[in-house]
Amino acid sequence: MDRLAGQNTASSGHGRLFAPIEPFDRRRMDRGDGHVLYVEQCGNPEGRPVIVLHGGPGGGCSPVMRRFFDPGHWRIVLFDQRGCGLSTPQASVVANSTPHLLSDIDAIGDALGLGPAVLFGGSWGATLALAYAQARPEAVSALVLRGVFLGRQAELDWFYGGGAGRFWPELWARFIAPIPPEEHGDLIAAYHRRLFSGDPATETRHAIEWMAWENALAGMDCPTPANPPPDYARAFSRLENHYFANGCFLDEGQLLRDRPRIEHLPAIIVQGRYDMVCPPLSAWELARGWDKAELRMVPASGHALTEPRIAAELVRVMQIMAGVD
């Protein structure tokens, strides 16, 4: 879960985003089954490695994501997960599951010779960071998580079962409008049938509505959402729905169950107090009893990476990890 990152950088002082930078390395990695990943590196080639895990599933990376890190300290690795962004084939769900993504992170780390890396992920990126760290704790040095999503049915029910809709009834009405009333009991399944109908016009039309619902609730201010580009909407919505229809390819409660595997790792969790997409309960449950985890609840903030207070707090966290107070 995560909206397309915008280009707003409205934060000031210690939390201001760093200046735009360009990668010193761009490459494409053939991962088999037709999938080719786009991978880039920015910052200091000899710096401490940080792997950025974008949201969605299906969101892809954005140049703004490079700007949360001091380029003199960090070796910043970004990649577009299978089927999205500059990775190909776009919107493909073939051989596209959480275990596949975990194997991709492994392959990227090996190909770049990273060694233990900080994982920086928000929303679905936080889900993926936790899953990877629990599978390969020796490959991780720390976690920075934002807008925690644990991939549980209760979290999906909140967002796609009417919980969030009680706060935004007019937007919820728009989201459910394309679906006949008899299918409202399982909107993920109902949208799945249309997003994978085989008819491009039907898929795109429903993809735009699927994505508009999430984007509208991502920030504290919710103006009437503009329609995203059709190709992006289709890729994002098909991939996200595919993962959610399959329980994120995780056991129910897995990420809390397996937390003992990573409790030796330091973690900082940045959570918007008024996050409507991924409510604070999941972040609180994850941090509770984890001695090396610090939960930073950000006031007057929602879900989006580029909300001013969220962005500022993430920059501060990464500066602290870089040894800059």
C-alpha atoms as a PDB file:
ATOM      1  CA  MET A   1       0.000   0.000   0.000  1.00  0.00           C
ATOM      2  CA  ASP A   2       1.441   3.329  -0.996  1.00  0.00           C
ATOM      3  CA  ARG A   3       0.618   6.147  -3.320  1.00  0.00           C
ATOM      4  CA  LEU A   4       2.886   7.337  -6.104  1.00  0.00           C
ATOM      5  CA  ALA A   5       5.483   9.508  -4.421  1.00  0.00           C
ATOM      6  CA  GLY A   6       5.103  13.149  -5.366  1.00  0.00           C
ATOM      7  CA  GLN A   7       7.797  15.723  -5.837  1.00  0.00           C
ATOM      8  CA  ASN A   8       6.831  17.975  -2.925  1.00  0.00           C
ATOM      9  CA  THR A   9       9.718  18.596  -0.553  1.00  0.00           C
ATOM     10  CA  ALA A  10       7.985  20.876   1.919  1.00  0.00           C
ATOM     11  CA  SER A  11      10.025  20.474   5.053  1.00  0.00           C
ATOM     12  CA  SER A  12      12.617  22.699   6.589  1.00  0.00           C
ATOM     13  CA  GLY A  13      15.607  22.846   8.887  1.00  0.00           C
ATOM     14  CA  HIS A  14      17.256  19.576   9.883  1.00  0.00           C
ATOM     15  CA  GLY A  15      14.575  17.579   8.093  1.00  0.00           C
ATOM     16  CA  ARG A  16      14.908  19.132   4.625  1.00  0.00           C
ATOM     17  CA  LEU A  17      15.366  16.678   1.770  1.00  0.00           C
ATOM     18  CA  PHE A  18      18.797  16.554   0.169  1.00  0.00           C
ATOM     19  CA  ALA A  19      19.368  18.053  -3.275  1.00  0.00           C
ATOM     20  CA  PRO A  20      18.420  15.967  -6.319  1.00  0.00           C
ATOM     21  CA  ILE A  21      21.095  13.519  -7.417  1.00  0.00           C
ATOM     22  CA  GLU A  22      21.625  11.179 -10.348  1.00  0.00           C
ATOM     23  CA  PRO A  23      22.696   7.529 -10.115  1.00  0.00           C
ATOM     24  CA  PHE A  24      26.328   6.600 -10.611  1.00  0.00           C
ATOM     25  CA  ASP A  25      25.184   3.151 -11.742  1.00  0.00           C
ATOM     26  CA  ARG A  26      22.119   1.942 -13.614  1.00  0.00           C
ATOM     27  CA  ARG A  27      21.658  -1.659 -14.626  1.00  0.00           C
ATOM     28  CA  ARG A  28      19.112  -4.236 -15.638  1.00  0.00           C
ATOM     29  CA  MET A  29      19.092  -7.676 -14.015  1.00  0.00           C
ATOM     30  CA  ASP A  30      17.569 -10.699 -15.727  1.00  0.00           C
ATOM     31  CA  ARG A  31      15.805 -12.718 -13.040  1.00  0.00           C
ATOM     32  CA  GLY A  32      14.303 -15.418 -15.225  1.00  0.00           C
ATOM     33  CA  ASP A  33      10.646 -16.148 -16.004  1.00  0.00           C
ATOM     34  CA  GLY A  34      10.767 -13.130 -18.306  1.00  0.00           C
ATOM     35  CA  HIS A  35      11.419 -10.627 -15.489  1.00  0.00           C
ATOM     36  CA  VAL A  36      14.115  -7.976 -15.882  1.00  0.00           C
ATOM     37  CA  LEU A  37      14.656  -5.631 -12.934  1.00  0.00           C
ATOM     38  CA  TYR A  38      15.739  -2.008 -13.070  1.00  0.00           C
ATOM     39  CA  VAL A  39      18.370  -1.301 -10.378  1.00  0.00           C
ATOM     40  CA  GLU A  40      20.233   1.943  -9.624  1.00  0.00           C
ATOM     41  CA  GLN A  41      22.868   3.151  -7.165  1.00  0.00           C
ATOM     42  CA  CYS A  42      23.334   6.720  -5.945  1.00  0.00           C
ATOM     43  CA  GLY A  43      25.507   8.545  -3.450  1.00  0.00           C
ATOM     44  CA  ASN A  44      28.832   7.235  -2.184  1.00  0.00           C
ATOM     45  CA  PRO A  45      30.027   3.974  -3.809  1.00  0.00           C
ATOM     46  CA  GLU A  46      32.044   3.265  -0.648  1.00  0.00           C
ATOM     47  CA  GLY A  47      29.292   4.338   1.742  1.00  0.00           C
ATOM     48  CA  ARG A  48      27.093   2.357   4.092  1.00  0.00           C
ATOM     49  CA  PRO A  49      24.551   0.485   1.961  1.00  0.00           C
ATOM     50  CA  VAL A  50      20.832   1.202   2.218  1.00  0.00           C
ATOM     51  CA  ILE A  51      18.242  -0.625   0.105  1.00  0.00           C
ATOM     52  CA  VAL A  52      15.065   1.325  -0.609  1.00  0.00           C
ATOM     53  CA  LEU A  53      11.931  -0.825  -0.820  1.00  0.00           C
ATOM     54  CA  HIS A  54       9.046   0.979  -2.479  1.00  0.00           C
ATOM     55  CA  GLY A  55       5.380   0.584  -1.674  1.00  0.00           C
ATOM     56  CA  GLY A  56       2.409  -0.816  -3.480  1.00  0.00           C
ATOM     57  CA  PRO A  57       2.973  -3.604  -4.347  1.00  0.00           C
ATOM     58  CA  GLY A  58       3.465  -2.057  -7.753  1.00  0.00           C
ATOM     59  CA  GLY A  59       4.386   1.508  -6.874  1.00  0.00           C
ATOM     60  CA  GLY A  60       7.857   1.682  -8.340  1.00  0.00           C
ATOM     61  CA  CYS A  61      10.633   4.047  -7.282  1.00  0.00           C
ATOM     62  CA  SER A  62      10.768   7.794  -7.831  1.00  0.00           C
ATOM     63  CA  PRO A  63      13.743  10.187  -7.965  1.00  0.00           C
ATOM     64  CA  VAL A  64      12.479  11.838  -4.770  1.00  0.00           C
ATOM     65  CA  MET A  65      13.270   8.618  -2.892  1.00  0.00           C
ATOM     66  CA  ARG A  66      17.004   9.256  -3.433  1.00  0.00           C
ATOM     67  CA  ARG A  67      16.777  12.470  -1.442  1.00  0.00           C
ATOM     68  CA  PHE A  68      16.214  11.087   2.055  1.00  0.00           C
ATOM     69  CA  PHE A  69      19.891  10.152   2.386  1.00  0.00           C
ATOM     70  CA  ASP A  70      23.116  12.120   2.722  1.00  0.00           C
ATOM     71  CA  PRO A  71      24.846  11.168  -0.562  1.00  0.00           C
ATOM     72  CA  GLY A  72      28.254  11.598   1.039  1.00  0.00           C
ATOM     73  CA  HIS A  73      27.538   8.885   3.600  1.00  0.00           C
ATOM     74  CA  TRP A  74      25.116   6.432   2.015  1.00  0.00           C
ATOM     75  CA  ARG A  75      25.365   4.005  -0.873  1.00  0.00           C
ATOM     76  CA  ILE A  76      21.730   4.224  -1.942  1.00  0.00           C
ATOM     77  CA  VAL A  77      20.277   1.254  -3.827  1.00  0.00           C
ATOM     78  CA  LEU A  78      16.859   1.546  -5.433  1.00  0.00           C
ATOM     79  CA  PHE A  79      15.083  -0.968  -7.638  1.00  0.00           C
ATOM     80  CA  ASP A  80      11.662  -1.397  -9.191  1.00  0.00           C
ATOM     81  CA  GLN A  81      10.023  -4.600  -8.033  1.00  0.00           C
ATOM     82  CA  ARG A  82       8.752  -7.128 -10.556  1.00  0.00           C
ATOM     83  CA  GLY A  83       6.196  -5.812 -13.015  1.00  0.00           C
ATOM     84  CA  CYS A  84       6.383  -2.121 -12.151  1.00  0.00           C
ATOM     85  CA  GLY A  85       8.345   1.054 -12.758  1.00  0.00           C
ATOM     86  CA  LEU A  86      11.161   0.460 -15.261  1.00  0.00           C
ATOM     87  CA  SER A  87      11.196  -3.288 -14.618  1.00  0.00           C
ATOM     88  CA  THR A  88       9.642  -5.480 -17.280  1.00  0.00           C
ATOM     89  CA  PRO A  89       7.222  -6.900 -18.267  1.00  0.00           C
ATOM     90  CA  GLN A  90       4.935  -4.211 -16.900  1.00  0.00           C
ATOM     91  CA  ALA A  91       1.973  -5.331 -14.774  1.00  0.00           C
ATOM     92  CA  SER A  92       2.924  -9.017 -15.048  1.00  0.00           C
ATOM     93  CA  VAL A  93       1.857 -11.246 -12.146  1.00  0.00           C
ATOM     94  CA  VAL A  94       3.575 -14.353 -13.538  1.00  0.00           C
ATOM     95  CA  ALA A  95       6.276 -15.545 -11.117  1.00  0.00           C
ATOM     96  CA  ASN A  96       5.488 -12.513  -8.970  1.00  0.00           C
ATOM     97  CA  SER A  97       5.093 -13.229  -5.270  1.00  0.00           C
ATOM     98  CA  THR A  98       6.707 -12.290  -1.980  1.00  0.00           C
ATOM     99  CA  PRO A  99       9.231 -15.180  -2.147  1.00  0.00           C
ATOM    100  CA  HIS A 100      10.204 -14.004  -5.644  1.00  0.00           C
ATOM    101  CA  LEU A 101      10.789 -10.465  -4.365  1.00  0.00           C
ATOM    102  CA  LEU A 102      12.873 -11.737  -1.448  1.00  0.00           C
ATOM    103  CA  SER A 103      15.043 -13.689  -3.877  1.00  0.00           C
ATOM    104  CA  ASP A 104      15.439 -10.522  -5.960  1.00  0.00           C
ATOM    105  CA  ILE A 105      16.739  -8.577  -2.949  1.00  0.00           C
ATOM    106  CA  ASP A 106      19.225 -11.373  -2.322  1.00  0.00           C
ATOM    107  CA  ALA A 107      20.369 -11.293  -5.949  1.00  0.00           C
ATOM    108  CA  ILE A 108      20.803  -7.517  -5.910  1.00  0.00           C
ATOM    109  CA  GLY A 109      22.822  -7.649  -2.700  1.00  0.00           C
ATOM    110  CA  ASP A 110      25.054 -10.370  -4.121  1.00  0.00           C
ATOM    111  CA  ALA A 111      25.517  -8.679  -7.504  1.00  0.00           C
ATOM    112  CA  LEU A 112      26.476  -5.363  -5.906  1.00  0.00           C
ATOM    113  CA  GLY A 113      28.540  -6.885  -3.088  1.00  0.00           C
ATOM    114  CA  LEU A 114      26.620  -4.914  -0.485  1.00  0.00           C
ATOM    115  CA  GLY A 115      27.078  -6.953   2.662  1.00  0.00           C
ATOM    116  CA  PRO A 116      24.655  -6.227   5.523  1.00  0.00           C
ATOM    117  CA  ALA A 117      22.459  -3.289   4.521  1.00  0.00           C
ATOM    118  CA  VAL A 118      19.931  -0.967   6.104  1.00  0.00           C
ATOM    119  CA  LEU A 119      16.436  -1.631   4.767  1.00  0.00           C
ATOM    120  CA  PHE A 120      14.359   1.507   4.211  1.00  0.00           C
ATOM    121  CA  GLY A 121      10.741   0.754   3.391  1.00  0.00           C
ATOM    122  CA  GLY A 122       7.299   2.251   3.787  1.00  0.00           C
ATOM    123  CA  SER A 123       3.849   0.674   3.623  1.00  0.00           C
ATOM    124  CA  TRP A 124       4.265  -2.469   1.464  1.00  0.00           C
ATOM    125  CA  GLY A 125       7.978  -1.635   1.506  1.00  0.00           C
ATOM    126  CA  ALA A 126       7.890  -2.062   5.285  1.00  0.00           C
ATOM    127  CA  THR A 127       6.147  -5.425   4.829  1.00  0.00           C
ATOM    128  CA  LEU A 128       8.841  -6.540   2.422  1.00  0.00           C
ATOM    129  CA  ALA A 129      11.635  -5.248   4.661  1.00  0.00           C
ATOM    130  CA  LEU A 130      10.325  -7.239   7.616  1.00  0.00           C
ATOM    131  CA  ALA A 131       9.827 -10.381   5.533  1.00  0.00           C
ATOM    132  CA  TYR A 132      13.338 -10.164   4.093  1.00  0.00           C
ATOM    133  CA  ALA A 133      14.976  -9.397   7.428  1.00  0.00           C
ATOM    134  CA  GLN A 134      13.230 -12.367   9.032  1.00  0.00           C
ATOM    135  CA  ALA A 135      14.318 -14.650   6.192  1.00  0.00           C
ATOM    136  CA  ARG A 136      17.896 -13.299   5.988  1.00  0.00           C
ATOM    137  CA  PRO A 137      18.784 -11.472   9.229  1.00  0.00           C
ATOM    138  CA  GLU A 138      22.510 -11.801   8.509  1.00  0.00           C
ATOM    139  CA  ALA A 139      22.050  -9.631   5.381  1.00  0.00           C
ATOM    140  CA  VAL A 140      20.480  -6.742   7.314  1.00  0.00           C
ATOM    141  CA  SER A 141      22.148  -4.200   9.611  1.00  0.00           C
ATOM    142  CA  ALA A 142      19.084  -2.119  10.605  1.00  0.00           C
ATOM    143  CA  LEU A 143      15.527  -1.296   9.559  1.00  0.00           C
ATOM    144  CA  VAL A 144      13.825   2.041   8.969  1.00  0.00           C
ATOM    145  CA  LEU A 145      10.109   1.496   8.483  1.00  0.00           C
ATOM    146  CA  ARG A 146       7.315   3.948   7.677  1.00  0.00           C
ATOM    147  CA  GLY A 147       3.538   3.487   7.667  1.00  0.00           C
ATOM    148  CA  VAL A 148       3.676  -0.134   8.823  1.00  0.00           C
ATOM    149  CA  PHE A 149       1.590  -2.726   6.972  1.00  0.00           C
ATOM    150  CA  LEU A 150       1.861  -6.293   8.289  1.00  0.00           C
ATOM    151  CA  GLY A 151      -0.116  -7.988   5.525  1.00  0.00           C
ATOM    152  CA  ARG A 152      -2.866  -9.256   7.809  1.00  0.00           C
ATOM    153  CA  GLN A 153      -6.487  -9.812   6.867  1.00  0.00           C
ATOM    154  CA  ALA A 154      -7.665  -7.297   9.461  1.00  0.00           C
ATOM    155  CA  GLU A 155      -5.607  -4.574   7.759  1.00  0.00           C
ATOM    156  CA  LEU A 156      -7.055  -5.445   4.352  1.00  0.00           C
ATOM    157  CA  ASP A 157     -10.556  -5.521   5.835  1.00  0.00           C
ATOM    158  CA  TRP A 158     -10.016  -2.039   7.280  1.00  0.00           C
ATOM    159  CA  PHE A 159      -9.154  -0.515   3.934  1.00  0.00           C
ATOM    160  CA  TYR A 160     -11.208  -2.636   1.530  1.00  0.00           C
ATOM    161  CA  GLY A 161     -14.029  -3.721   3.823  1.00  0.00           C
ATOM    162  CA  GLY A 162     -15.468  -0.366   4.789  1.00  0.00           C
ATOM    163  CA  GLY A 163     -13.515   0.653   7.892  1.00  0.00           C
ATOM    164  CA  ALA A 164     -11.738   3.597   6.302  1.00  0.00           C
ATOM    165  CA  GLY A 165     -14.895   4.270   4.314  1.00  0.00           C
ATOM    166  CA  ARG A 166     -16.670   5.332   7.500  1.00  0.00           C
ATOM    167  CA  PHE A 167     -14.366   8.362   7.611  1.00  0.00           C
ATOM    168  CA  TRP A 168     -14.600   9.095   3.874  1.00  0.00           C
ATOM    169  CA  PRO A 169     -18.083   7.956   2.825  1.00  0.00           C
ATOM    170  CA  GLU A 170     -18.181   9.998  -0.383  1.00  0.00           C
ATOM    171  CA  LEU A 171     -14.870   8.515  -1.582  1.00  0.00           C
ATOM    172  CA  TRP A 172     -15.914   5.031  -0.485  1.00  0.00           C
ATOM    173  CA  ALA A 173     -19.127   5.414  -2.498  1.00  0.00           C
ATOM    174  CA  ARG A 174     -17.039   6.194  -5.578  1.00  0.00           C
ATOM    175  CA  PHE A 175     -14.806   3.161  -4.955  1.00  0.00           C
ATOM    176  CA  ILE A 176     -17.670   0.674  -4.659  1.00  0.00           C
ATOM    177  CA  ALA A 177     -19.819   2.226  -7.405  1.00  0.00           C
ATOM    178  CA  PRO A 178     -18.353   0.139 -10.287  1.00  0.00           C
ATOM    179  CA  ILE A 179     -19.100  -3.098  -8.405  1.00  0.00           C
ATOM    180  CA  PRO A 180     -22.623  -4.604  -8.228  1.00  0.00           C
ATOM    181  CA  PRO A 181     -24.055  -4.655  -4.664  1.00  0.00           C
ATOM    182  CA  GLU A 182     -24.086  -8.455  -4.536  1.00  0.00           C
ATOM    183  CA  GLU A 183     -20.257  -8.429  -4.805  1.00  0.00           C
ATOM    184  CA  HIS A 184     -19.612  -5.833  -2.076  1.00  0.00           C
ATOM    185  CA  GLY A 185     -18.852  -8.551   0.478  1.00  0.00           C
ATOM    186  CA  ASP A 186     -15.390  -9.083  -1.037  1.00  0.00           C
ATOM    187  CA  LEU A 187     -14.250  -6.039  -2.977  1.00  0.00           C
ATOM    188  CA  ILE A 188     -10.705  -7.328  -3.445  1.00  0.00           C
ATOM    189  CA  ALA A 189     -12.100 -10.377  -5.265  1.00  0.00           C
ATOM    190  CA  ALA A 190     -14.620  -8.268  -7.187  1.00  0.00           C
ATOM    191  CA  TYR A 191     -11.939  -5.899  -8.433  1.00  0.00           C
ATOM    192  CA  HIS A 192      -9.662  -8.865  -9.170  1.00  0.00           C
ATOM    193  CA  ARG A 193     -12.175 -10.265 -11.636  1.00  0.00           C
ATOM    194  CA  ARG A 194     -12.217  -6.957 -13.494  1.00  0.00           C
ATOM    195  CA  LEU A 195      -8.513  -6.108 -13.252  1.00  0.00           C
ATOM    196  CA  PHE A 196      -7.735  -9.509 -14.791  1.00  0.00           C
ATOM    197  CA  SER A 197     -10.686  -9.691 -17.173  1.00  0.00           C
ATOM    198  CA  GLY A 198      -8.526  -9.745 -20.301  1.00  0.00           C
ATOM    199  CA  ASP A 199     -10.225  -6.633 -21.649  1.00  0.00           C
ATOM    200  CA  PRO A 200      -7.767  -3.694 -21.502  1.00  0.00           C
ATOM    201  CA  ALA A 201     -10.494  -1.049 -21.292  1.00  0.00           C
ATOM    202  CA  THR A 202     -12.232  -2.812 -18.386  1.00  0.00           C
ATOM    203  CA  GLU A 203      -8.931  -3.374 -16.603  1.00  0.00           C
ATOM    204  CA  THR A 204      -7.823   0.242 -16.983  1.00  0.00           C
ATOM    205  CA  ARG A 205     -11.179   1.697 -15.930  1.00  0.00           C
ATOM    206  CA  HIS A 206     -11.232  -0.314 -12.714  1.00  0.00           C
ATOM    207  CA  ALA A 207      -7.517   0.232 -12.113  1.00  0.00           C
ATOM    208  CA  ILE A 208      -8.054   3.978 -12.023  1.00  0.00           C
ATOM    209  CA  GLU A 209     -10.818   3.614  -9.420  1.00  0.00           C
ATOM    210  CA  TRP A 210      -8.772   1.165  -7.336  1.00  0.00           C
ATOM    211  CA  MET A 211      -5.800   3.514  -7.256  1.00  0.00           C
ATOM    212  CA  ALA A 212      -7.864   6.670  -6.737  1.00  0.00           C
ATOM    213  CA  TRP A 213      -9.307   5.259  -3.502  1.00  0.00           C
ATOM    214  CA  GLU A 214      -5.848   4.708  -2.027  1.00  0.00           C
ATOM    215  CA  ASN A 215      -4.361   7.968  -3.275  1.00  0.00           C
ATOM    216  CA  ALA A 216      -7.250   9.994  -1.910  1.00  0.00           C
ATOM    217  CA  LEU A 217      -6.630   8.749   1.633  1.00  0.00           C
ATOM    218  CA  ALA A 218      -2.832   8.781   1.584  1.00  0.00           C
ATOM    219  CA  GLY A 219      -2.398  12.328   2.870  1.00  0.00           C
ATOM    220  CA  MET A 220      -4.007  14.487   5.515  1.00  0.00           C
ATOM    221  CA  ASP A 221      -5.442  16.817   2.866  1.00  0.00           C
ATOM    222  CA  CYS A 222      -7.653  14.977   0.416  1.00  0.00           C
ATOM    223  CA  PRO A 223      -8.724  17.110  -2.557  1.00  0.00           C
ATOM    224  CA  THR A 224     -10.620  15.425  -5.359  1.00  0.00           C
ATOM    225  CA  PRO A 225      -7.965  13.022  -6.681  1.00  0.00           C
ATOM    226  CA  ALA A 226      -6.730  13.396 -10.242  1.00  0.00           C
ATOM    227  CA  ASN A 227      -6.728  10.275 -12.366  1.00  0.00           C
ATOM    228  CA  PRO A 228      -3.253   8.708 -12.590  1.00  0.00           C
ATOM    229  CA  PRO A 229      -1.747   7.857 -15.998  1.00  0.00           C
ATOM    230  CA  PRO A 230      -3.660   4.808 -17.304  1.00  0.00           C
ATOM    231  CA  ASP A 231      -0.600   2.571 -17.829  1.00  0.00           C
ATOM    232  CA  TYR A 232       0.725   3.317 -14.361  1.00  0.00           C
ATOM    233  CA  ALA A 233      -2.691   2.796 -12.793  1.00  0.00           C
ATOM    234  CA  ARG A 234      -3.102  -0.563 -14.503  1.00  0.00           C
ATOM    235  CA  ALA A 235       0.323  -1.828 -13.431  1.00  0.00           C
ATOM    236  CA  PHE A 236      -0.049  -0.584  -9.859  1.00  0.00           C
ATOM    237  CA  SER A 237      -3.599  -1.824  -9.357  1.00  0.00           C
ATOM    238  CA  ARG A 238      -3.119  -5.257 -10.928  1.00  0.00           C
ATOM    239  CA  LEU A 239       0.000  -5.938  -8.887  1.00  0.00           C
ATOM    240  CA  GLU A 240      -1.419  -4.642  -5.620  1.00  0.00           C
ATOM    241  CA  ASN A 241      -4.672  -6.525  -6.050  1.00  0.00           C
ATOM    242  CA  HIS A 242      -2.791  -9.694  -7.019  1.00  0.00           C
ATOM    243  CA  TYR A 243      -0.826  -9.592  -3.773  1.00  0.00           C
ATOM    244  CA  PHE A 244      -3.816  -8.739  -1.610  1.00  0.00           C
ATOM    245  CA  ALA A 245      -5.983 -11.433  -3.216  1.00  0.00           C
ATOM    246  CA  ASN A 246      -3.266 -13.902  -2.185  1.00  0.00           C
ATOM    247  CA  GLY A 247      -2.819 -12.684   1.390  1.00  0.00           C
ATOM    248  CA  CYS A 248       0.485 -11.027   0.416  1.00  0.00           C
ATOM    249  CA  PHE A 249       1.895 -14.556   0.077  1.00  0.00           C
ATOM    250  CA  LEU A 250       2.439 -14.581   3.847  1.00  0.00           C
ATOM    251  CA  ASP A 251       1.019 -16.735   6.608  1.00  0.00           C
ATOM    252  CA  GLU A 252      -1.570 -14.869   8.630  1.00  0.00           C
ATOM    253  CA  GLY A 253       0.283 -13.017  11.383  1.00  0.00           C
ATOM    254  CA  GLN A 254       3.672 -14.200  10.095  1.00  0.00           C
ATOM    255  CA  LEU A 255       5.556 -10.928  10.531  1.00  0.00           C
ATOM    256  CA  LEU A 256       4.644 -10.646  14.218  1.00  0.00           C
ATOM    257  CA  ARG A 257       5.099 -14.372  14.796  1.00  0.00           C
ATOM    258  CA  ASP A 258       8.641 -14.321  13.415  1.00  0.00           C
ATOM    259  CA  ARG A 259       9.740 -11.054  14.991  1.00  0.00           C
ATOM    260  CA  PRO A 260      12.113 -12.853  17.415  1.00  0.00           C
ATOM    261  CA  ARG A 261      14.369 -13.563  14.419  1.00  0.00           C
ATOM    262  CA  ILE A 262      15.154  -9.843  14.068  1.00  0.00           C
ATOM    263  CA  GLU A 263      14.906  -8.519  17.619  1.00  0.00           C
ATOM    264  CA  HIS A 264      18.698  -8.190  17.752  1.00  0.00           C
ATOM    265  CA  LEU A 265      18.523  -5.607  14.932  1.00  0.00           C
ATOM    266  CA  PRO A 266      17.949  -1.891  15.562  1.00  0.00           C
ATOM    267  CA  ALA A 267      14.769  -0.521  14.017  1.00  0.00           C
ATOM    268  CA  ILE A 268      13.169   2.896  13.828  1.00  0.00           C
ATOM    269  CA  ILE A 269       9.494   3.085  12.898  1.00  0.00           C
ATOM    270  CA  VAL A 270       8.047   6.363  11.613  1.00  0.00           C
ATOM    271  CA  GLN A 271       4.255   6.346  11.730  1.00  0.00           C
ATOM    272  CA  GLY A 272       1.687   9.020  10.896  1.00  0.00           C
ATOM    273  CA  ARG A 273      -0.720   9.459  13.787  1.00  0.00           C
ATOM    274  CA  TYR A 274      -3.663   9.843  11.384  1.00  0.00           C
ATOM    275  CA  ASP A 275      -2.642   7.289   8.779  1.00  0.00           C
ATOM    276  CA  MET A 276      -5.892   6.102   7.194  1.00  0.00           C
ATOM    277  CA  VAL A 277      -4.251   3.582   4.866  1.00  0.00           C
ATOM    278  CA  CYS A 278      -2.133   1.773   7.477  1.00  0.00           C
ATOM    279  CA  PRO A 279      -3.501   2.762  10.910  1.00  0.00           C
ATOM    280  CA  PRO A 280      -1.004   3.164  13.786  1.00  0.00           C
ATOM    281  CA  LEU A 281      -2.100  -0.021  15.572  1.00  0.00           C
ATOM    282  CA  SER A 282       0.132  -2.200  13.403  1.00  0.00           C
ATOM    283  CA  ALA A 283       3.212  -0.066  14.062  1.00  0.00           C
ATOM    284  CA  TRP A 284       2.476  -0.108  17.788  1.00  0.00           C
ATOM    285  CA  GLU A 285       2.009  -3.888  17.830  1.00  0.00           C
ATOM    286  CA  LEU A 286       5.251  -4.374  15.922  1.00  0.00           C
ATOM    287  CA  ALA A 287       7.280  -2.159  18.263  1.00  0.00           C
ATOM    288  CA  ARG A 288       5.752  -3.346  21.540  1.00  0.00           C
ATOM    289  CA  GLY A 289       8.278  -5.491  23.408  1.00  0.00           C
ATOM    290  CA  TRP A 290      11.023  -5.046  20.790  1.00  0.00           C
ATOM    291  CA  ASP A 291      13.744  -3.454  22.897  1.00  0.00           C
ATOM    292  CA  LYS A 292      15.827  -2.279  19.929  1.00  0.00           C
ATOM    293  CA  ALA A 293      12.856  -0.756  18.097  1.00  0.00           C
ATOM    294  CA  GLU A 294      11.876   2.892  18.475  1.00  0.00           C
ATOM    295  CA  LEU A 295       8.410   4.011  17.419  1.00  0.00           C
ATOM    296  CA  ARG A 296       8.209   7.641  16.350  1.00  0.00           C
ATOM    297  CA  MET A 297       4.574   8.702  16.084  1.00  0.00           C
ATOM    298  CA  VAL A 298       4.369  11.779  13.857  1.00  0.00           C
ATOM    299  CA  PRO A 299       1.557  14.203  14.757  1.00  0.00           C
ATOM    300  CA  ALA A 300      -0.860  15.720  12.233  1.00  0.00           C
ATOM    301  CA  SER A 301       0.324  13.312   9.521  1.00  0.00           C
ATOM    302  CA  GLY A 302      -1.130  10.561   7.396  1.00  0.00           C
ATOM    303  CA  HIS A 303       0.434   7.904   5.203  1.00  0.00           C
ATOM    304  CA  ALA A 304       2.286   9.458   2.278  1.00  0.00           C
ATOM    305  CA  LEU A 305       6.079   9.446   2.102  1.00  0.00           C
ATOM    306  CA  THR A 306       6.115  13.067   0.978  1.00  0.00           C
ATOM    307  CA  GLU A 307       3.963  14.521   3.756  1.00  0.00           C
ATOM    308  CA  PRO A 308       6.122  17.292   5.272  1.00  0.00           C
ATOM    309  CA  ARG A 309       6.406  15.931   8.822  1.00  0.00           C
ATOM    310  CA  ILE A 310       6.841  12.337   7.653  1.00  0.00           C
ATOM    311  CA  ALA A 311       9.572  13.316   5.175  1.00  0.00           C
ATOM    312  CA  ALA A 312      11.349  15.481   7.753  1.00  0.00           C
ATOM    313  CA  GLU A 313      11.326  12.713  10.353  1.00  0.00           C
ATOM    314  CA  LEU A 314      12.712  10.167   7.902  1.00  0.00           C
ATOM    315  CA  VAL A 315      15.573  12.495   6.973  1.00  0.00           C
ATOM    316  CA  ARG A 316      16.337  13.025  10.673  1.00  0.00           C
ATOM    317  CA  VAL A 317      16.331   9.272  11.280  1.00  0.00           C
ATOM    318  CA  MET A 318      18.763   8.637   8.444  1.00  0.00           C
ATOM    319  CA  GLN A 319      21.030  11.419   9.663  1.00  0.00           C
ATOM    320  CA  ILE A 320      21.077   9.865  13.112  1.00  0.00           C
ATOM    321  CA  MET A 321      21.987   6.495  11.567  1.00  0.00           C
ATOM    322  CA  ALA A 322      24.751   8.279   9.656  1.00  0.00           C
ATOM    323  CA  GLY A 323      26.099   9.628  12.927  1.00  0.00           C
ATOM    324  CA  VAL A 324      24.914  13.202  12.372  1.00  0.00           C
ATOM    325  CA  ASP A 325      22.820  14.624  15.223  1.00  0.00           C
END
